[in-house]
């Protein structure tokens, strides 16, 4: 999910039980209460991006579903430098072929030059440490 400026959030008068975060926006000296809803925070889980061919991740990507029906698919990561803390999750949604996760240039993913997903519904999450990618979670079906 793209970061939203606090000025773009919904104004409110009182928090409710469904509000996750309530913030006070005070750029002009007059406080205005704003909220981030569950929908703002969880959008990435209900609106993932699906790919069927080679793809280069962006800083806006979070969850990528990869359909390997037509052959192996390479998911290229952007440079880890300048993306510290950015996390991506890749999910292979077809049994055939493989997904190859390819870090930028000489960067590595948990010490390896690439990481492969070979099983249907296999998942890997990784994060930039500002010099390389580190796997933070994996699931093999």
C-alpha atoms as a PDB file:
ATOM      1  CA  UNK A   1       0.000   0.000   0.000  1.00  0.00           C
ATOM      2  CA  UNK A   2       1.259   3.433  -0.845  1.00  0.00           C
ATOM      3  CA  UNK A   3       1.801   5.644   2.176  1.00  0.00           C
ATOM      4  CA  UNK A   4      -0.998   8.180   2.541  1.00  0.00           C
ATOM      5  CA  UNK A   5      -0.390  11.661   3.832  1.00  0.00           C
ATOM      6  CA  UNK A   6      -2.261  12.288   7.027  1.00  0.00           C
ATOM      7  CA  UNK A   7      -4.112  15.093   5.227  1.00  0.00           C
ATOM      8  CA  UNK A   8      -5.608  12.475   2.864  1.00  0.00           C
ATOM      9  CA  UNK A   9      -7.219  10.488   5.678  1.00  0.00           C
ATOM     10  CA  UNK A  10     -10.863  10.750   6.701  1.00  0.00           C
ATOM     11  CA  UNK A  11     -11.784  13.472   9.194  1.00  0.00           C
ATOM     12  CA  UNK A  12     -13.690  12.370  12.273  1.00  0.00           C
ATOM     13  CA  UNK A  13     -14.973  13.731  15.543  1.00  0.00           C
ATOM     14  CA  UNK A  14     -14.757  10.698  17.833  1.00  0.00           C
ATOM     15  CA  UNK A  15     -12.935   7.364  17.449  1.00  0.00           C
ATOM     16  CA  UNK A  16     -15.045   4.224  17.243  1.00  0.00           C
ATOM     17  CA  UNK A  17     -14.248   0.643  18.242  1.00  0.00           C
ATOM     18  CA  UNK A  18     -13.448  -0.181  14.577  1.00  0.00           C
ATOM     19  CA  UNK A  19     -10.789   2.513  14.205  1.00  0.00           C
ATOM     20  CA  UNK A  20      -7.253   1.155  14.341  1.00  0.00           C
ATOM     21  CA  UNK A  21      -5.371   4.424  14.526  1.00  0.00           C
ATOM     22  CA  UNK A  22      -6.431   7.923  15.328  1.00  0.00           C
ATOM     23  CA  UNK A  23      -4.061  10.790  14.564  1.00  0.00           C
ATOM     24  CA  UNK A  24      -4.177  14.503  14.999  1.00  0.00           C
ATOM     25  CA  UNK A  25      -3.160  16.489  11.935  1.00  0.00           C
ATOM     26  CA  UNK A  26      -1.887  19.939  12.888  1.00  0.00           C
ATOM     27  CA  UNK A  27      -0.050  21.453   9.901  1.00  0.00           C
ATOM     28  CA  UNK A  28      -1.722  24.836  10.259  1.00  0.00           C
ATOM     29  CA  UNK A  29      -1.911  25.099  14.031  1.00  0.00           C
ATOM     30  CA  UNK A  30      -5.544  23.935  14.147  1.00  0.00           C
ATOM     31  CA  UNK A  31      -5.798  20.254  15.165  1.00  0.00           C
ATOM     32  CA  UNK A  32      -7.995  18.024  13.016  1.00  0.00           C
ATOM     33  CA  UNK A  33      -8.582  14.422  14.101  1.00  0.00           C
ATOM     34  CA  UNK A  34      -8.081  11.840  11.330  1.00  0.00           C
ATOM     35  CA  UNK A  35      -8.343   8.058  11.228  1.00  0.00           C
ATOM     36  CA  UNK A  36      -6.848   5.124   9.358  1.00  0.00           C
ATOM     37  CA  UNK A  37      -9.408   2.348   9.003  1.00  0.00           C
ATOM     38  CA  UNK A  38      -8.942  -1.395   8.816  1.00  0.00           C
ATOM     39  CA  UNK A  39      -9.525  -1.081   5.088  1.00  0.00           C
ATOM     40  CA  UNK A  40      -6.584   1.354   4.770  1.00  0.00           C
ATOM     41  CA  UNK A  41      -4.251  -0.966   6.665  1.00  0.00           C
ATOM     42  CA  UNK A  42      -5.389  -4.320   5.253  1.00  0.00           C
ATOM     43  CA  UNK A  43      -5.880  -3.284   1.605  1.00  0.00           C
ATOM     44  CA  UNK A  44      -2.745  -5.149   0.596  1.00  0.00           C
ATOM     45  CA  UNK A  45      -4.275  -8.455   1.727  1.00  0.00           C
ATOM     46  CA  UNK A  46      -7.474  -8.150  -0.256  1.00  0.00           C
ATOM     47  CA  UNK A  47      -6.064  -6.489  -3.359  1.00  0.00           C
ATOM     48  CA  UNK A  48      -2.807  -8.290  -4.232  1.00  0.00           C
ATOM     49  CA  UNK A  49      -1.138  -7.901  -7.613  1.00  0.00           C
ATOM     50  CA  UNK A  50      -1.158 -10.950  -9.939  1.00  0.00           C
ATOM     51  CA  UNK A  51       1.654 -11.547 -12.453  1.00  0.00           C
ATOM     52  CA  UNK A  52       1.938 -14.093 -15.272  1.00  0.00           C
ATOM     53  CA  UNK A  53       5.346 -13.078 -16.645  1.00  0.00           C
ATOM     54  CA  UNK A  54       8.687 -11.677 -15.532  1.00  0.00           C
ATOM     55  CA  UNK A  55       8.248  -8.635 -13.314  1.00  0.00           C
ATOM     56  CA  UNK A  56      10.356  -6.099 -11.420  1.00  0.00           C
ATOM     57  CA  UNK A  57       9.034  -5.251  -7.954  1.00  0.00           C
ATOM     58  CA  UNK A  58       8.370  -1.638  -7.039  1.00  0.00           C
ATOM     59  CA  UNK A  59       8.231   0.062  -3.678  1.00  0.00           C
ATOM     60  CA  UNK A  60       4.419   0.125  -4.039  1.00  0.00           C
ATOM     61  CA  UNK A  61       4.191  -3.685  -4.315  1.00  0.00           C
ATOM     62  CA  UNK A  62       3.520  -5.743  -1.216  1.00  0.00           C
ATOM     63  CA  UNK A  63       1.920  -9.068  -2.121  1.00  0.00           C
ATOM     64  CA  UNK A  64       2.483 -10.574  -5.558  1.00  0.00           C
ATOM     65  CA  UNK A  65       0.622 -13.660  -6.785  1.00  0.00           C
ATOM     66  CA  UNK A  66       2.600 -15.445  -9.517  1.00  0.00           C
ATOM     67  CA  UNK A  67       0.954 -17.676 -12.113  1.00  0.00           C
ATOM     68  CA  UNK A  68       3.629 -19.926 -13.677  1.00  0.00           C
ATOM     69  CA  UNK A  69       1.307 -21.761 -16.092  1.00  0.00           C
ATOM     70  CA  UNK A  70       3.227 -20.535 -19.155  1.00  0.00           C
ATOM     71  CA  UNK A  71       6.730 -21.166 -17.759  1.00  0.00           C
ATOM     72  CA  UNK A  72       9.217 -20.015 -15.160  1.00  0.00           C
ATOM     73  CA  UNK A  73       8.689 -16.450 -13.945  1.00  0.00           C
ATOM     74  CA  UNK A  74      11.478 -14.227 -12.630  1.00  0.00           C
ATOM     75  CA  UNK A  75      10.564 -11.644 -10.026  1.00  0.00           C
ATOM     76  CA  UNK A  76      13.376  -9.088  -9.917  1.00  0.00           C
ATOM     77  CA  UNK A  77      13.821  -7.063  -6.759  1.00  0.00           C
ATOM     78  CA  UNK A  78      14.763  -3.401  -6.828  1.00  0.00           C
ATOM     79  CA  UNK A  79      17.969  -2.427  -5.109  1.00  0.00           C
ATOM     80  CA  UNK A  80      17.898  -2.982  -1.368  1.00  0.00           C
ATOM     81  CA  UNK A  81      19.788   0.292  -0.922  1.00  0.00           C
ATOM     82  CA  UNK A  82      17.324   3.009   0.007  1.00  0.00           C
ATOM     83  CA  UNK A  83      14.520   0.497   0.644  1.00  0.00           C
ATOM     84  CA  UNK A  84      15.415  -0.438   4.220  1.00  0.00           C
ATOM     85  CA  UNK A  85      12.437  -2.026   5.977  1.00  0.00           C
ATOM     86  CA  UNK A  86      10.431  -2.519   2.778  1.00  0.00           C
ATOM     87  CA  UNK A  87       8.868  -5.985   2.741  1.00  0.00           C
ATOM     88  CA  UNK A  88       7.487  -8.015  -0.161  1.00  0.00           C
ATOM     89  CA  UNK A  89       5.608 -11.331  -0.185  1.00  0.00           C
ATOM     90  CA  UNK A  90       5.590 -13.610  -3.230  1.00  0.00           C
ATOM     91  CA  UNK A  91       3.016 -16.423  -3.581  1.00  0.00           C
ATOM     92  CA  UNK A  92       3.317 -19.070  -6.300  1.00  0.00           C
ATOM     93  CA  UNK A  93      -0.271 -19.970  -7.263  1.00  0.00           C
ATOM     94  CA  UNK A  94       0.306 -22.704  -9.879  1.00  0.00           C
ATOM     95  CA  UNK A  95       2.018 -26.109  -9.474  1.00  0.00           C
ATOM     96  CA  UNK A  96       3.883 -26.057 -12.822  1.00  0.00           C
ATOM     97  CA  UNK A  97       7.297 -24.443 -13.324  1.00  0.00           C
ATOM     98  CA  UNK A  98       9.009 -22.162 -10.787  1.00  0.00           C
ATOM     99  CA  UNK A  99       9.302 -18.602  -9.550  1.00  0.00           C
ATOM    100  CA  UNK A 100      12.836 -17.206  -9.367  1.00  0.00           C
ATOM    101  CA  UNK A 101      13.346 -14.259  -7.022  1.00  0.00           C
ATOM    102  CA  UNK A 102      16.356 -12.326  -8.264  1.00  0.00           C
ATOM    103  CA  UNK A 103      17.940  -9.607  -6.095  1.00  0.00           C
ATOM    104  CA  UNK A 104      19.384  -6.527  -7.777  1.00  0.00           C
ATOM    105  CA  UNK A 105      22.936  -6.779  -9.157  1.00  0.00           C
ATOM    106  CA  UNK A 106      25.300  -8.465  -6.695  1.00  0.00           C
ATOM    107  CA  UNK A 107      22.855  -8.184  -3.791  1.00  0.00           C
ATOM    108  CA  UNK A 108      21.701 -11.406  -2.148  1.00  0.00           C
ATOM    109  CA  UNK A 109      18.556 -12.853  -0.614  1.00  0.00           C
ATOM    110  CA  UNK A 110      19.540 -14.356   2.738  1.00  0.00           C
ATOM    111  CA  UNK A 111      23.059 -14.910   1.388  1.00  0.00           C
ATOM    112  CA  UNK A 112      22.013 -16.533  -1.914  1.00  0.00           C
ATOM    113  CA  UNK A 113      22.108 -15.095  -5.418  1.00  0.00           C
ATOM    114  CA  UNK A 114      18.461 -16.167  -6.055  1.00  0.00           C
ATOM    115  CA  UNK A 115      15.591 -17.894  -4.270  1.00  0.00           C
ATOM    116  CA  UNK A 116      13.229 -20.330  -6.028  1.00  0.00           C
ATOM    117  CA  UNK A 117       9.607 -21.198  -5.315  1.00  0.00           C
ATOM    118  CA  UNK A 118       8.797 -24.592  -6.821  1.00  0.00           C
ATOM    119  CA  UNK A 119       5.614 -25.821  -5.105  1.00  0.00           C
ATOM    120  CA  UNK A 120       2.018 -24.728  -5.584  1.00  0.00           C
ATOM    121  CA  UNK A 121       1.028 -22.189  -2.902  1.00  0.00           C
ATOM    122  CA  UNK A 122       4.631 -21.742  -1.756  1.00  0.00           C
ATOM    123  CA  UNK A 123       5.191 -18.357  -0.108  1.00  0.00           C
ATOM    124  CA  UNK A 124       8.233 -16.284   0.755  1.00  0.00           C
ATOM    125  CA  UNK A 125       8.406 -12.901   2.452  1.00  0.00           C
ATOM    126  CA  UNK A 126      11.574 -10.833   2.435  1.00  0.00           C
ATOM    127  CA  UNK A 127      12.720  -7.419   3.567  1.00  0.00           C
ATOM    128  CA  UNK A 128      15.485  -5.008   2.604  1.00  0.00           C
ATOM    129  CA  UNK A 129      18.166  -4.357   5.232  1.00  0.00           C
ATOM    130  CA  UNK A 130      19.457  -1.480   3.059  1.00  0.00           C
ATOM    131  CA  UNK A 131      22.207  -3.604   1.493  1.00  0.00           C
ATOM    132  CA  UNK A 132      20.632  -7.028   0.789  1.00  0.00           C
ATOM    133  CA  UNK A 133      17.327  -8.883   1.109  1.00  0.00           C
ATOM    134  CA  UNK A 134      16.548 -11.075   4.105  1.00  0.00           C
ATOM    135  CA  UNK A 135      13.894 -13.795   4.127  1.00  0.00           C
ATOM    136  CA  UNK A 136      11.530 -13.104   7.010  1.00  0.00           C
ATOM    137  CA  UNK A 137       9.098 -15.959   6.440  1.00  0.00           C
ATOM    138  CA  UNK A 138       8.502 -18.920   4.158  1.00  0.00           C
ATOM    139  CA  UNK A 139       5.840 -21.577   3.687  1.00  0.00           C
ATOM    140  CA  UNK A 140       6.064 -24.634   1.503  1.00  0.00           C
ATOM    141  CA  UNK A 141       2.802 -26.442   0.848  1.00  0.00           C
END
